[in-house]
Amino acid sequence: MPSESFLHNVKSLALSRHSLLAIETVEEDRVDHLLGALSSDQLWHYFDWSLASGLRNRTLNQTLVVPDELMDALGRIKDMAVPSIFWFRDLADHLRDPLICRFIRELIDDFHVSPITKVMIVSGATIDLPADLEHFATHVPMQLPDEGELEAIVNRTVTGLTKRLDFSIEINHQQKDQLVQALKGLTANQARQRITHAIVEDQSLSAEDINEVAHHRARTLRDGGLLEYCEVDGNSFRLGGFDKMLTWLERAQMGFSPEAAALNLKNPRGILLVGVQGCGKSLAAKVIAKEWQLPLLKLDASRLFDKYIGESEKNLYRAQKLAESLSPCVLWIDEVEKGFSTGGSDSTDGGVGRRMLGTFLTWMQEKKQPVFIVATANDVETLPPEFLRKGRFDEIFFVDLPNSEERRVILEIHIDLRNCDPAQFDIDSLTHATEGFSGAEIEQAIIAAAYESLYRKEPLSTGLILQEIGSTVPLSVSRREAVAKLRDYARGRFVPVTS
């Protein structure tokens, strides 16, 4: 089924005399399918123009103007007396011609006052309209396919392949739903390719293909450069401590339930984790996604910035829409201060930082899709006050250096991860020796001790770990003043993750 929101949006704009619509996308086949569905539903004539095909009446399957004759095509549609959609694909280079721009400007003026519904649609990977046209254009967002559209793509692809291939379908209804979920975040063309590849590979569509599709999606997101899909299934992520935050999260998870929707409660927006480096902020994001059984997307905020004007804001918009297409999900924004601090003046960055911040805060406040944000920050003082205002995030937690009980748990976790029995170690001595250590520093000491044990060809022992601890200068010592300043700043401002 075509995207209902897109069809409704284009229909409403056309009927309200928005005469020039711009769709920024590379998915021409999908635009064609959606506009064809809309024209059939509304009994509008459907025309398209391209450099290769000229002007065609798609409703009557007629070619009206030969290729390259753009002015003739514009002249023909000016005189059309039937409700119509006119889709132009290759206008980018032609828009440099003042005559073409003037003709289109007058054309959309005529459309606006015409008693007959007529709308001109332009599309392309990027759309840079001249200022005179931009003023009259309405940009229509082309979201990635939703679940309904993806299911239709699966059905069409499988049906089409049955006409030329002999293969078996070995998935039940529930597994088909899982396949659709695994395709979320891909374009329509990418989804078709993955389904076709899965079938052609072994002449079947089976449950094993679901994992392969999900892995391909992870690679596709990573190659896109904005979001990274993090695998959480099968990983033994464990937190030492954080009991107060985990209790809060158990309650927050109810915000995704039907009972919450019945009470008109919005989905929880997310949390901000600030604190000492290496104390588990990033691990917390992974644990949340694993416990909630949601996809985990990682956004490196510093990668949003681009040297070209307007591209940074577009990158943020694309990242947001991609996260929404994969919802419900957890969006982990690592070192958020690198992307949304406004330490620089507008004169040095052209105001990009402040615009990015405003865009992000608005999205956080107004997003309707269940995207739970877990933002982490080390240098919280560089974040602007509006970012920390109560109500932006559902809660702001402070992650301090682990206390003795938390260090004990962390030691046991990492000794166990080395396939050793914590009961065979002097945990009391190790806990005492790691006073002032972060969780990451404790982990690294155990890893270094494990390497030393391999080198010596002897079992991992308390003595080897104590040796590595003794040779480690923790951050609380090497940057004593900075850590103390952060702890003083957080006291009374943020909620500690531990009771």
Protein backbone atom coordinates (compact mmCIF):
# COMPACT_ATOMS: atom_id res chain seq x y z
CA MET A 1 0.00 0.00 0.00
CA PRO A 2 1.48 3.42 -0.93
CA SER A 3 2.47 5.74 1.88
CA GLU A 4 -0.84 7.12 3.13
CA SER A 5 0.74 10.19 4.74
CA PHE A 6 2.52 11.16 1.51
CA LEU A 7 -0.59 10.71 -0.62
CA HIS A 8 -2.71 12.67 1.83
CA ASN A 9 -0.12 15.46 1.97
CA VAL A 10 0.15 15.86 -1.82
CA LYS A 11 -3.62 15.63 -2.25
CA SER A 12 -4.28 18.31 0.41
CA LEU A 13 -1.66 20.65 -1.03
CA ALA A 14 -2.95 20.24 -4.60
CA LEU A 15 -6.56 20.86 -3.59
CA SER A 16 -5.53 23.96 -1.60
CA ARG A 17 -3.85 25.43 -4.72
CA HIS A 18 -0.21 24.85 -3.77
CA SER A 19 0.78 24.81 -7.41
CA LEU A 20 4.51 23.93 -7.19
CA LEU A 21 5.66 20.99 -5.06
CA ALA A 22 9.29 19.90 -4.64
CA ILE A 23 10.16 16.32 -3.67
CA GLU A 24 13.81 15.72 -2.81
CA THR A 25 14.50 12.02 -3.41
CA VAL A 26 16.41 9.58 -5.60
CA GLU A 27 13.50 7.09 -5.56
CA GLU A 28 11.88 7.99 -8.88
CA ASP A 29 10.16 4.61 -9.21
CA ARG A 30 8.52 5.14 -5.84
CA VAL A 31 7.43 8.70 -6.68
CA ASP A 32 5.96 7.37 -9.94
CA HIS A 33 4.06 4.63 -8.10
CA LEU A 34 2.72 7.03 -5.46
CA LEU A 35 1.67 9.74 -7.93
CA GLY A 36 0.04 7.12 -10.15
CA ALA A 37 -1.96 5.85 -7.16
CA LEU A 38 -2.98 9.40 -6.25
CA SER A 39 -4.12 10.27 -9.79
CA SER A 40 -6.17 7.06 -9.98
CA ASP A 41 -7.77 7.74 -6.62
CA GLN A 42 -8.71 11.33 -7.51
CA LEU A 43 -9.45 10.69 -11.23
CA TRP A 44 -6.77 13.24 -12.18
CA HIS A 45 -4.76 12.99 -15.39
CA TYR A 46 -1.13 12.12 -14.77
CA PHE A 47 1.64 13.61 -16.95
CA ASP A 48 5.40 13.31 -16.64
CA TRP A 49 8.39 14.84 -18.42
CA SER A 50 12.04 13.81 -18.62
CA LEU A 51 14.94 14.57 -20.93
CA ALA A 52 14.80 11.03 -22.28
CA SER A 53 11.06 10.55 -22.74
CA GLY A 54 9.63 14.02 -23.28
CA LEU A 55 6.10 14.86 -22.10
CA ARG A 56 3.81 11.85 -21.69
CA ASN A 57 0.20 11.48 -20.67
CA ARG A 58 0.55 8.48 -18.37
CA THR A 59 -3.20 8.16 -17.91
CA LEU A 60 -3.79 7.65 -21.66
CA ASN A 61 -0.31 6.23 -22.38
CA GLN A 62 0.46 8.92 -25.00
CA THR A 63 3.65 10.85 -25.83
CA LEU A 64 2.69 14.49 -26.39
CA VAL A 65 6.05 16.25 -26.83
CA VAL A 66 9.34 14.70 -27.97
CA PRO A 67 12.42 14.81 -25.69
CA ASP A 68 14.43 18.03 -25.22
CA GLU A 69 11.50 20.30 -26.12
CA LEU A 70 10.89 21.64 -22.61
CA MET A 71 9.29 24.93 -23.70
CA ASP A 72 6.85 23.03 -25.93
CA ALA A 73 5.99 20.76 -22.98
CA LEU A 74 5.36 23.74 -20.69
CA GLY A 75 3.20 25.34 -23.37
CA ARG A 76 1.10 22.19 -23.75
CA ILE A 77 0.34 21.84 -20.04
CA LYS A 78 -0.57 25.55 -19.80
CA ASP A 79 -3.62 24.85 -21.96
CA MET A 80 -4.72 21.59 -20.28
CA ALA A 81 -8.37 21.80 -19.21
CA VAL A 82 -8.55 18.67 -17.04
CA PRO A 83 -7.51 18.10 -13.38
CA SER A 84 -3.88 17.07 -13.67
CA ILE A 85 -0.58 16.24 -11.99
CA PHE A 86 2.52 17.29 -13.95
CA TRP A 87 5.73 15.62 -12.79
CA PHE A 88 9.04 17.07 -14.08
CA ARG A 89 12.22 15.11 -13.35
CA ASP A 90 15.20 16.73 -15.06
CA LEU A 91 14.72 20.45 -14.50
CA ALA A 92 17.95 21.25 -12.58
CA ASP A 93 20.05 22.49 -15.51
CA HIS A 94 17.09 24.18 -17.23
CA LEU A 95 16.35 26.33 -14.18
CA ARG A 96 19.46 28.38 -14.98
CA ASP A 97 17.59 29.76 -18.00
CA PRO A 98 15.68 32.96 -17.01
CA LEU A 99 13.10 32.32 -19.75
CA ILE A 100 12.28 28.85 -18.38
CA CYS A 101 12.01 30.22 -14.83
CA ARG A 102 9.70 33.04 -15.94
CA PHE A 103 7.49 30.62 -17.88
CA ILE A 104 7.18 28.28 -14.87
CA ARG A 105 6.46 31.25 -12.60
CA GLU A 106 3.57 32.35 -14.83
CA LEU A 107 2.41 28.76 -15.20
CA ILE A 108 2.03 28.22 -11.45
CA ASP A 109 0.28 31.59 -11.17
CA ASP A 110 -2.26 30.31 -13.72
CA PHE A 111 -2.61 27.04 -11.79
CA HIS A 112 -3.28 28.96 -8.60
CA VAL A 113 -6.33 30.80 -10.00
CA SER A 114 -7.60 28.01 -12.23
CA PRO A 115 -10.95 26.45 -11.24
CA ILE A 116 -9.44 23.09 -12.23
CA THR A 117 -6.97 21.37 -9.89
CA LYS A 118 -3.53 21.40 -11.50
CA VAL A 119 -0.19 20.97 -9.74
CA MET A 120 3.41 20.87 -10.95
CA ILE A 121 5.82 18.56 -9.14
CA VAL A 122 9.61 18.67 -9.47
CA SER A 123 11.90 16.01 -8.05
CA GLY A 124 15.59 15.20 -7.81
CA ALA A 125 18.34 14.04 -5.47
CA THR A 126 18.79 17.69 -4.50
CA ILE A 127 16.52 20.56 -5.48
CA ASP A 128 17.94 24.08 -5.60
CA LEU A 129 15.25 26.32 -7.00
CA PRO A 130 15.95 29.91 -8.03
CA ALA A 131 14.83 32.43 -5.43
CA ASP A 132 11.84 33.54 -7.55
CA LEU A 133 10.52 29.96 -7.68
CA GLU A 134 11.56 28.93 -4.17
CA HIS A 135 9.20 31.53 -2.77
CA PHE A 136 6.23 29.73 -4.36
CA ALA A 137 7.39 26.15 -3.82
CA THR A 138 6.27 23.80 -1.08
CA HIS A 139 8.76 21.09 -0.14
CA VAL A 140 7.08 17.75 0.49
CA PRO A 141 9.13 15.34 2.64
CA MET A 142 9.54 11.89 1.10
CA GLN A 143 9.75 9.56 4.07
CA LEU A 144 11.30 6.14 3.82
CA PRO A 145 8.74 3.37 3.24
CA ASP A 146 6.58 2.57 6.27
CA GLU A 147 5.54 -0.93 7.33
CA GLY A 148 2.48 -0.99 5.08
CA GLU A 149 4.44 0.05 2.01
CA LEU A 150 7.27 -2.39 2.80
CA GLU A 151 4.80 -5.24 3.12
CA ALA A 152 3.39 -4.31 -0.30
CA ILE A 153 6.95 -4.25 -1.71
CA VAL A 154 7.60 -7.74 -0.31
CA ASN A 155 4.36 -9.05 -1.86
CA ARG A 156 5.01 -7.43 -5.26
CA THR A 157 8.61 -8.63 -5.37
CA VAL A 158 7.74 -12.20 -4.45
CA THR A 159 4.86 -12.26 -6.95
CA GLY A 160 7.06 -10.88 -9.71
CA LEU A 161 9.81 -13.42 -9.07
CA THR A 162 7.41 -16.36 -9.19
CA LYS A 163 6.93 -15.63 -12.89
CA ARG A 164 10.59 -16.31 -13.73
CA LEU A 165 12.07 -18.33 -10.86
CA ASP A 166 11.25 -21.58 -9.09
CA PHE A 167 11.68 -21.04 -5.34
CA SER A 168 10.06 -21.93 -2.04
CA ILE A 169 8.54 -19.61 0.56
CA GLU A 170 9.37 -20.92 4.03
CA ILE A 171 8.26 -18.07 6.29
CA ASN A 172 5.04 -17.86 8.24
CA HIS A 173 2.96 -14.75 8.90
CA GLN A 174 4.91 -13.81 12.05
CA GLN A 175 8.25 -14.22 10.28
CA LYS A 176 6.98 -12.11 7.41
CA ASP A 177 6.27 -9.32 9.92
CA GLN A 178 9.84 -9.73 11.22
CA LEU A 179 11.15 -9.45 7.66
CA VAL A 180 9.24 -6.20 7.19
CA GLN A 181 10.74 -4.87 10.44
CA ALA A 182 14.22 -5.84 9.23
CA LEU A 183 13.63 -3.83 6.02
CA LYS A 184 12.71 -0.62 7.86
CA GLY A 185 15.24 2.13 7.19
CA LEU A 186 15.90 1.04 3.60
CA THR A 187 14.64 2.73 0.45
CA ALA A 188 12.03 0.94 -1.64
CA ASN A 189 14.66 -0.03 -4.19
CA GLN A 190 17.05 -1.31 -1.51
CA ALA A 191 14.22 -3.37 0.00
CA ARG A 192 13.39 -4.93 -3.38
CA GLN A 193 17.06 -5.73 -3.98
CA ARG A 194 17.50 -7.40 -0.58
CA ILE A 195 14.39 -9.58 -0.98
CA THR A 196 15.42 -10.56 -4.51
CA HIS A 197 18.98 -11.34 -3.40
CA ALA A 198 17.72 -13.46 -0.49
CA ILE A 199 15.54 -15.52 -2.83
CA VAL A 200 18.06 -15.87 -5.68
CA GLU A 201 20.86 -16.85 -3.29
CA ASP A 202 19.33 -20.21 -2.30
CA GLN A 203 16.02 -20.39 -4.21
CA SER A 204 14.03 -19.80 -1.02
CA LEU A 205 12.73 -17.11 1.31
CA SER A 206 13.29 -18.43 4.83
CA ALA A 207 13.69 -17.30 8.43
CA GLU A 208 17.48 -17.29 7.99
CA ASP A 209 17.11 -14.50 5.44
CA ILE A 210 15.65 -12.17 8.11
CA ASN A 211 18.98 -11.92 9.97
CA GLU A 212 20.88 -11.39 6.72
CA VAL A 213 18.52 -8.56 5.75
CA ALA A 214 19.00 -6.97 9.19
CA HIS A 215 22.81 -7.22 8.87
CA HIS A 216 22.65 -5.63 5.42
CA ARG A 217 20.57 -2.78 6.83
CA ALA A 218 23.24 -2.21 9.49
CA ARG A 219 25.93 -2.00 6.79
CA THR A 220 23.78 0.34 4.69
CA LEU A 221 23.22 2.73 7.59
CA ARG A 222 26.91 2.71 8.46
CA ASP A 223 27.92 3.42 4.85
CA GLY A 224 25.41 6.30 4.79
CA GLY A 225 27.67 8.08 7.28
CA LEU A 226 25.05 9.56 9.62
CA LEU A 227 23.75 6.73 11.78
CA GLU A 228 25.30 3.46 12.88
CA TYR A 229 23.16 0.44 13.65
CA CYS A 230 24.49 -1.22 16.81
CA GLU A 231 23.87 -4.90 17.39
CA VAL A 232 22.58 -5.59 20.91
CA ASP A 233 21.04 -9.05 20.55
CA GLY A 234 23.32 -11.76 21.91
CA ASN A 235 25.64 -9.31 23.68
CA SER A 236 26.16 -9.64 27.44
CA PHE A 237 25.92 -5.93 28.25
CA ARG A 238 25.75 -5.49 32.03
CA LEU A 239 25.86 -2.39 34.20
CA GLY A 240 27.52 -2.25 37.59
CA GLY A 241 25.28 -0.04 39.72
CA PHE A 242 22.90 2.46 38.04
CA ASP A 243 20.04 1.12 40.17
CA LYS A 244 18.26 4.47 40.39
CA MET A 245 18.35 4.99 36.64
CA LEU A 246 17.27 1.42 35.91
CA THR A 247 14.28 1.79 38.24
CA TRP A 248 13.32 5.01 36.46
CA LEU A 249 13.61 3.27 33.08
CA GLU A 250 11.28 0.44 34.18
CA ARG A 251 8.61 3.06 34.78
CA ALA A 252 9.42 5.00 31.60
CA GLN A 253 9.05 1.87 29.48
CA MET A 254 5.35 1.87 30.34
CA GLY A 255 5.09 5.01 28.18
CA PHE A 256 5.21 2.78 25.07
CA SER A 257 2.26 0.67 26.22
CA PRO A 258 -1.36 0.80 24.96
CA GLU A 259 -2.40 1.70 28.52
CA ALA A 260 -0.31 4.87 28.33
CA ALA A 261 -1.85 5.76 24.97
CA ALA A 262 -5.31 5.30 26.51
CA LEU A 263 -4.39 7.95 29.08
CA ASN A 264 -3.15 10.31 26.30
CA LEU A 265 0.41 10.02 27.59
CA LYS A 266 3.15 10.76 25.08
CA ASN A 267 6.02 8.35 24.50
CA PRO A 268 9.02 9.13 26.73
CA ARG A 269 11.38 11.52 24.93
CA GLY A 270 14.70 10.41 26.36
CA ILE A 271 17.43 11.00 28.92
CA LEU A 272 20.69 12.91 29.12
CA LEU A 273 23.63 11.21 30.84
CA VAL A 274 26.41 13.52 32.02
CA GLY A 275 29.41 12.58 34.06
CA VAL A 276 32.97 11.40 34.34
CA GLN A 277 34.49 9.74 31.28
CA GLY A 278 34.61 5.96 31.28
CA CYS A 279 31.90 5.46 33.89
CA GLY A 280 29.33 3.66 31.77
CA LYS A 281 27.32 6.31 29.91
CA SER A 282 27.75 4.62 26.52
CA LEU A 283 27.19 1.18 28.01
CA ALA A 284 23.93 2.43 29.51
CA ALA A 285 22.56 3.20 26.03
CA LYS A 286 23.32 -0.36 24.91
CA VAL A 287 21.76 -1.85 28.02
CA ILE A 288 18.56 0.19 27.56
CA ALA A 289 18.15 -1.00 23.96
CA LYS A 290 18.82 -4.60 24.97
CA GLU A 291 16.43 -4.56 27.93
CA TRP A 292 13.68 -2.86 25.92
CA GLN A 293 14.37 -5.08 22.89
CA LEU A 294 14.55 -2.09 20.56
CA PRO A 295 16.96 -1.29 17.70
CA LEU A 296 19.90 0.88 18.79
CA LEU A 297 21.05 3.65 16.44
CA LYS A 298 24.18 5.65 17.18
CA LEU A 299 24.56 9.24 16.02
CA ASP A 300 27.99 10.81 16.23
CA ALA A 301 26.94 14.45 16.47
CA SER A 302 30.27 15.76 15.15
CA ARG A 303 29.67 13.97 11.82
CA LEU A 304 26.63 16.11 11.08
CA PHE A 305 28.69 19.15 10.15
CA ASP A 306 29.45 19.88 6.52
CA LYS A 307 31.48 22.67 4.95
CA TYR A 308 28.70 23.60 2.51
CA ILE A 309 25.98 26.03 3.55
CA GLY A 310 22.77 24.30 4.60
CA GLU A 311 24.17 20.75 4.42
CA SER A 312 24.67 20.40 8.19
CA GLU A 313 20.99 21.13 8.81
CA LYS A 314 20.04 18.69 6.03
CA ASN A 315 22.22 16.00 7.62
CA LEU A 316 20.44 16.47 10.94
CA TYR A 317 17.04 16.31 9.21
CA ARG A 318 18.00 13.10 7.39
CA ALA A 319 19.26 11.51 10.61
CA GLN A 320 16.02 12.39 12.40
CA LYS A 321 13.84 11.01 9.61
CA LEU A 322 15.92 7.85 9.39
CA ALA A 323 15.54 7.29 13.13
CA GLU A 324 11.77 7.83 12.82
CA SER A 325 11.58 5.29 9.99
CA LEU A 326 13.14 2.68 12.31
CA SER A 327 10.93 3.50 15.29
CA PRO A 328 10.33 2.29 17.88
CA CYS A 329 14.05 2.55 18.57
CA VAL A 330 16.71 3.97 20.88
CA LEU A 331 18.78 6.82 19.39
CA TRP A 332 22.14 7.11 21.14
CA ILE A 333 23.81 10.49 20.61
CA ASP A 334 27.38 10.13 21.78
CA GLU A 335 29.22 13.21 23.11
CA VAL A 336 26.26 15.41 22.29
CA GLU A 337 28.18 18.55 23.22
CA LYS A 338 30.26 18.20 20.02
CA GLY A 339 27.19 18.70 17.86
CA PHE A 340 24.95 21.03 19.83
CA SER A 341 27.14 23.28 21.94
CA THR A 342 27.03 26.94 20.95
CA GLY A 343 30.39 28.00 22.29
CA GLY A 344 31.35 29.58 19.00
CA SER A 345 29.81 32.88 17.97
CA ASP A 346 27.55 33.18 14.98
CA SER A 347 30.31 35.12 13.24
CA THR A 348 32.64 32.10 13.32
CA ASP A 349 30.21 29.35 12.32
CA GLY A 350 27.54 31.35 10.47
CA GLY A 351 25.01 30.48 13.14
CA VAL A 352 25.02 26.79 12.17
CA GLY A 353 25.43 25.58 15.76
CA ARG A 354 22.48 27.59 17.02
CA ARG A 355 20.25 26.56 14.10
CA MET A 356 21.18 22.91 14.63
CA LEU A 357 20.35 23.21 18.31
CA GLY A 358 16.99 24.83 17.60
CA THR A 359 16.10 22.18 15.03
CA PHE A 360 17.02 19.35 17.37
CA LEU A 361 15.14 20.77 20.36
CA THR A 362 12.02 21.34 18.25
CA TRP A 363 12.17 17.78 16.97
CA MET A 364 12.59 16.42 20.50
CA GLN A 365 9.55 18.37 21.65
CA GLU A 366 7.26 17.58 18.73
CA LYS A 367 8.24 14.15 17.36
CA LYS A 368 5.35 11.71 17.39
CA GLN A 369 7.25 8.53 16.56
CA PRO A 370 8.60 6.49 19.51
CA VAL A 371 12.29 7.40 19.27
CA PHE A 372 13.85 7.30 22.75
CA ILE A 373 16.96 9.48 22.90
CA VAL A 374 19.93 8.60 25.09
CA ALA A 375 22.38 11.51 24.88
CA THR A 376 25.75 11.38 26.61
CA ALA A 377 27.97 14.33 27.51
CA ASN A 378 31.38 14.66 29.14
CA ASP A 379 31.78 18.45 29.00
CA VAL A 380 28.34 19.52 30.15
CA GLU A 381 29.31 23.16 30.73
CA THR A 382 29.62 23.72 26.97
CA LEU A 383 25.97 22.81 26.46
CA PRO A 384 23.62 25.82 26.23
CA PRO A 385 21.13 26.40 29.08
CA GLU A 386 18.11 25.67 26.85
CA PHE A 387 19.46 22.17 26.29
CA LEU A 388 19.48 21.46 30.03
CA ARG A 389 16.15 23.07 30.83
CA LYS A 390 13.73 20.80 32.69
CA GLY A 391 11.33 19.23 30.24
CA ARG A 392 13.70 18.95 27.28
CA PHE A 393 14.71 15.47 28.40
CA ASP A 394 12.52 13.36 30.63
CA GLU A 395 15.42 13.22 33.08
CA ILE A 396 19.07 14.24 33.35
CA PHE A 397 21.26 11.74 35.19
CA PHE A 398 24.75 12.21 36.59
CA VAL A 399 27.18 9.30 36.30
CA ASP A 400 29.82 9.57 39.00
CA LEU A 401 32.88 7.43 39.72
CA PRO A 402 31.70 4.03 40.98
CA ASN A 403 31.46 3.53 44.73
CA SER A 404 32.89 0.45 46.46
CA GLU A 405 29.84 -1.73 45.92
CA GLU A 406 29.67 -0.76 42.23
CA ARG A 407 33.39 -1.41 41.80
CA ARG A 408 32.88 -4.87 43.30
CA VAL A 409 30.13 -5.63 40.75
CA ILE A 410 32.21 -4.22 37.88
CA LEU A 411 35.19 -6.37 38.88
CA GLU A 412 33.05 -9.50 39.05
CA ILE A 413 31.47 -8.74 35.66
CA HIS A 414 34.80 -8.33 33.86
CA ILE A 415 36.48 -11.28 35.56
CA ASP A 416 33.49 -13.40 34.56
CA LEU A 417 33.74 -12.11 30.98
CA ARG A 418 37.28 -13.53 30.90
CA ASN A 419 35.75 -16.94 31.70
CA CYS A 420 37.16 -16.92 35.22
CA ASP A 421 35.31 -17.56 38.50
CA PRO A 422 35.15 -14.30 40.56
CA ALA A 423 34.97 -16.43 43.72
CA GLN A 424 38.60 -17.45 43.10
CA PHE A 425 39.77 -13.81 43.34
CA ASP A 426 40.24 -11.51 46.33
CA ILE A 427 37.49 -9.10 45.32
CA ASP A 428 37.82 -7.13 48.58
CA SER A 429 41.47 -6.27 47.85
CA LEU A 430 40.69 -5.40 44.24
CA THR A 431 37.77 -3.21 45.29
CA HIS A 432 39.96 -1.31 47.74
CA ALA A 433 42.80 -0.93 45.22
CA THR A 434 40.51 0.58 42.56
CA GLU A 435 39.31 3.51 44.67
CA GLY A 436 38.89 6.47 42.28
CA PHE A 437 38.89 4.25 39.16
CA SER A 438 36.23 4.51 36.48
CA GLY A 439 34.52 1.41 35.14
CA ALA A 440 36.53 1.63 31.92
CA GLU A 441 39.80 1.84 33.87
CA ILE A 442 38.86 -1.24 35.90
CA GLU A 443 38.01 -3.12 32.70
CA GLN A 444 41.30 -2.12 31.08
CA ALA A 445 43.30 -3.22 34.12
CA ILE A 446 41.70 -6.69 33.95
CA ILE A 447 42.29 -6.92 30.19
CA ALA A 448 45.96 -5.94 30.62
CA ALA A 449 46.31 -8.52 33.39
CA ALA A 450 44.75 -11.16 31.14
CA TYR A 451 47.32 -10.41 28.43
CA GLU A 452 50.09 -10.64 31.04
CA SER A 453 48.76 -14.01 32.16
CA LEU A 454 48.88 -15.27 28.55
CA TYR A 455 52.44 -14.00 28.20
CA ARG A 456 53.52 -15.69 31.43
CA LYS A 457 51.51 -18.83 30.58
CA GLU A 458 49.80 -18.78 33.96
CA PRO A 459 46.17 -18.33 35.08
CA LEU A 460 44.71 -14.86 35.60
CA SER A 461 45.10 -14.02 39.29
CA THR A 462 44.43 -11.33 41.89
CA GLY A 463 48.15 -10.54 41.95
CA LEU A 464 48.33 -9.86 38.21
CA ILE A 465 45.29 -7.59 38.36
CA LEU A 466 46.68 -5.72 41.37
CA GLN A 467 49.93 -5.24 39.47
CA GLU A 468 48.10 -3.60 36.56
CA ILE A 469 45.99 -1.49 38.93
CA GLY A 470 49.16 -0.25 40.62
CA SER A 471 50.65 0.89 37.30
CA THR A 472 47.50 2.77 36.28
CA VAL A 473 47.01 6.48 36.98
CA PRO A 474 43.23 6.98 36.95
CA LEU A 475 41.55 10.04 35.49
CA SER A 476 40.49 11.11 38.97
CA VAL A 477 44.20 11.64 39.73
CA SER A 478 45.59 12.82 36.36
CA ARG A 479 42.73 15.31 35.97
CA ARG A 480 41.80 15.75 39.60
CA GLU A 481 40.72 19.38 39.26
CA ALA A 482 38.50 18.78 36.21
CA VAL A 483 36.78 15.78 37.79
CA ALA A 484 36.21 17.66 41.04
CA LYS A 485 34.78 20.62 39.14
CA LEU A 486 32.37 18.37 37.23
CA ARG A 487 31.19 16.63 40.40
CA ASP A 488 30.64 19.97 42.14
CA TYR A 489 28.70 21.28 39.12
CA ALA A 490 26.44 18.20 38.98
CA ARG A 491 25.66 18.09 42.70
CA GLY A 492 22.07 19.25 43.21
CA ARG A 493 21.51 19.85 39.48
CA PHE A 494 21.17 16.30 38.16
CA VAL A 495 19.81 13.00 39.46
CA PRO A 496 22.52 10.47 40.40
CA VAL A 497 22.22 7.13 38.62
CA THR A 498 22.91 5.32 41.90
CA SER A 499 21.00 5.53 45.16
